Amino acid sequence: MAGPMTPEAIEAAILQRTATTDKSICPSEVARALDPENWRPLMGAVRQAAARLSTAGSIEILRKGKPIAPEAMHGVIRLRRRQPETP
């Protein structure tokens, strides 16, 4: 995709990718979908967008398969749509 990527476009891509699977996704999948040739520079923006979406309650950020708070995000993470609360 040519031109600068807006935060809204990145958030929309994350929501679209997480909505189409029951499994978690890697943030790099989102970056590659947005710009297959030059995806690496988008990784920081994808992680920031994931933090915003997690804070808003739309997705969960996973580390070692367990949900974490956005402020605890570091290293290898995965993303998934928010799971319904179980009683």
Protein backbone atom coordinates (compact mmCIF):
# COMPACT_ATOMS: atom_id res chain seq x y z
CA MET A 1 0.00 0.00 0.00
CA ALA A 2 1.45 3.36 -0.95
CA GLY A 3 1.61 6.42 1.28
CA PRO A 4 1.55 6.81 5.04
CA MET A 5 -0.60 4.42 7.01
CA THR A 6 -3.14 6.05 9.33
CA PRO A 7 -3.73 4.73 12.84
CA GLU A 8 -7.37 4.17 11.91
CA ALA A 9 -6.40 2.02 8.90
CA ILE A 10 -4.11 -0.09 11.07
CA GLU A 11 -6.80 -0.53 13.73
CA ALA A 12 -9.31 -1.51 11.04
CA ALA A 13 -6.86 -4.09 9.67
CA ILE A 14 -6.34 -5.60 13.14
CA LEU A 15 -10.09 -5.80 13.76
CA GLN A 16 -10.69 -7.36 10.34
CA ARG A 17 -7.96 -9.99 10.80
CA THR A 18 -9.03 -10.92 14.33
CA ALA A 19 -12.71 -11.08 13.35
CA THR A 20 -12.10 -13.69 10.65
CA THR A 21 -10.46 -16.30 12.87
CA ASP A 22 -11.01 -17.96 16.23
CA LYS A 23 -7.26 -18.19 16.69
CA SER A 24 -4.78 -15.51 17.63
CA ILE A 25 -2.77 -13.66 15.02
CA CYS A 26 0.75 -12.31 14.94
CA PRO A 27 1.05 -8.52 14.62
CA SER A 28 3.37 -9.08 11.64
CA GLU A 29 0.42 -10.63 9.75
CA VAL A 30 -1.33 -7.26 9.96
CA ALA A 31 1.77 -5.34 8.89
CA ARG A 32 2.36 -7.71 5.96
CA ALA A 33 -1.27 -7.38 4.85
CA LEU A 34 -0.94 -3.59 4.86
CA ASP A 35 2.38 -3.45 3.02
CA PRO A 36 3.83 -6.78 1.84
CA GLU A 37 7.02 -5.18 0.49
CA ASN A 38 7.89 -2.88 3.39
CA TRP A 39 6.05 -4.23 6.44
CA ARG A 40 8.78 -4.06 9.09
CA PRO A 41 8.56 -0.28 9.64
CA LEU A 42 4.85 -0.72 10.39
CA MET A 43 5.41 -3.04 13.35
CA GLY A 44 5.64 -0.25 15.95
CA ALA A 45 2.43 1.34 14.67
CA VAL A 46 0.67 -2.05 14.66
CA ARG A 47 1.67 -2.66 18.27
CA GLN A 48 0.50 0.84 19.26
CA ALA A 49 -2.82 0.27 17.51
CA ALA A 50 -3.16 -3.08 19.29
CA ALA A 51 -2.60 -1.35 22.63
CA ARG A 52 -5.34 1.19 21.85
CA LEU A 53 -7.77 -1.53 20.77
CA SER A 54 -7.00 -3.58 23.87
CA THR A 55 -7.60 -0.56 26.12
CA ALA A 56 -10.92 -0.01 24.32
CA GLY A 57 -11.88 -3.64 24.97
CA SER A 58 -11.97 -4.75 21.32
CA ILE A 59 -9.06 -7.21 21.35
CA GLU A 60 -6.78 -9.06 23.74
CA ILE A 61 -3.00 -8.98 23.66
CA LEU A 62 -1.50 -12.35 24.49
CA ARG A 63 1.93 -13.24 25.82
CA LYS A 64 2.66 -16.94 26.24
CA GLY A 65 -1.02 -17.61 25.51
CA LYS A 66 -2.35 -15.48 28.37
CA PRO A 67 -4.00 -12.04 28.13
CA ILE A 68 -1.82 -9.15 29.29
CA ALA A 69 -2.42 -5.45 29.85
CA PRO A 70 -1.24 -3.14 27.05
CA GLU A 71 1.30 -1.52 29.37
CA ALA A 72 2.86 -4.96 29.99
CA MET A 73 3.36 -5.54 26.25
CA HIS A 74 6.92 -6.44 25.28
CA GLY A 75 8.65 -9.12 23.26
CA VAL A 76 6.63 -11.69 21.36
CA ILE A 77 2.88 -11.07 21.44
CA ARG A 78 -0.22 -12.28 19.63
CA LEU A 79 -3.61 -10.68 19.14
CA ARG A 80 -7.14 -12.06 19.26
CA ARG A 81 -10.63 -10.70 19.49
CA ARG A 82 -11.84 -10.29 23.05
CA GLN A 83 -13.12 -13.54 24.52
CA PRO A 84 -16.47 -13.51 26.32
CA GLU A 85 -16.21 -13.51 30.10
CA THR A 86 -17.06 -16.84 31.73
CA PRO A 87 -18.83 -16.81 35.12
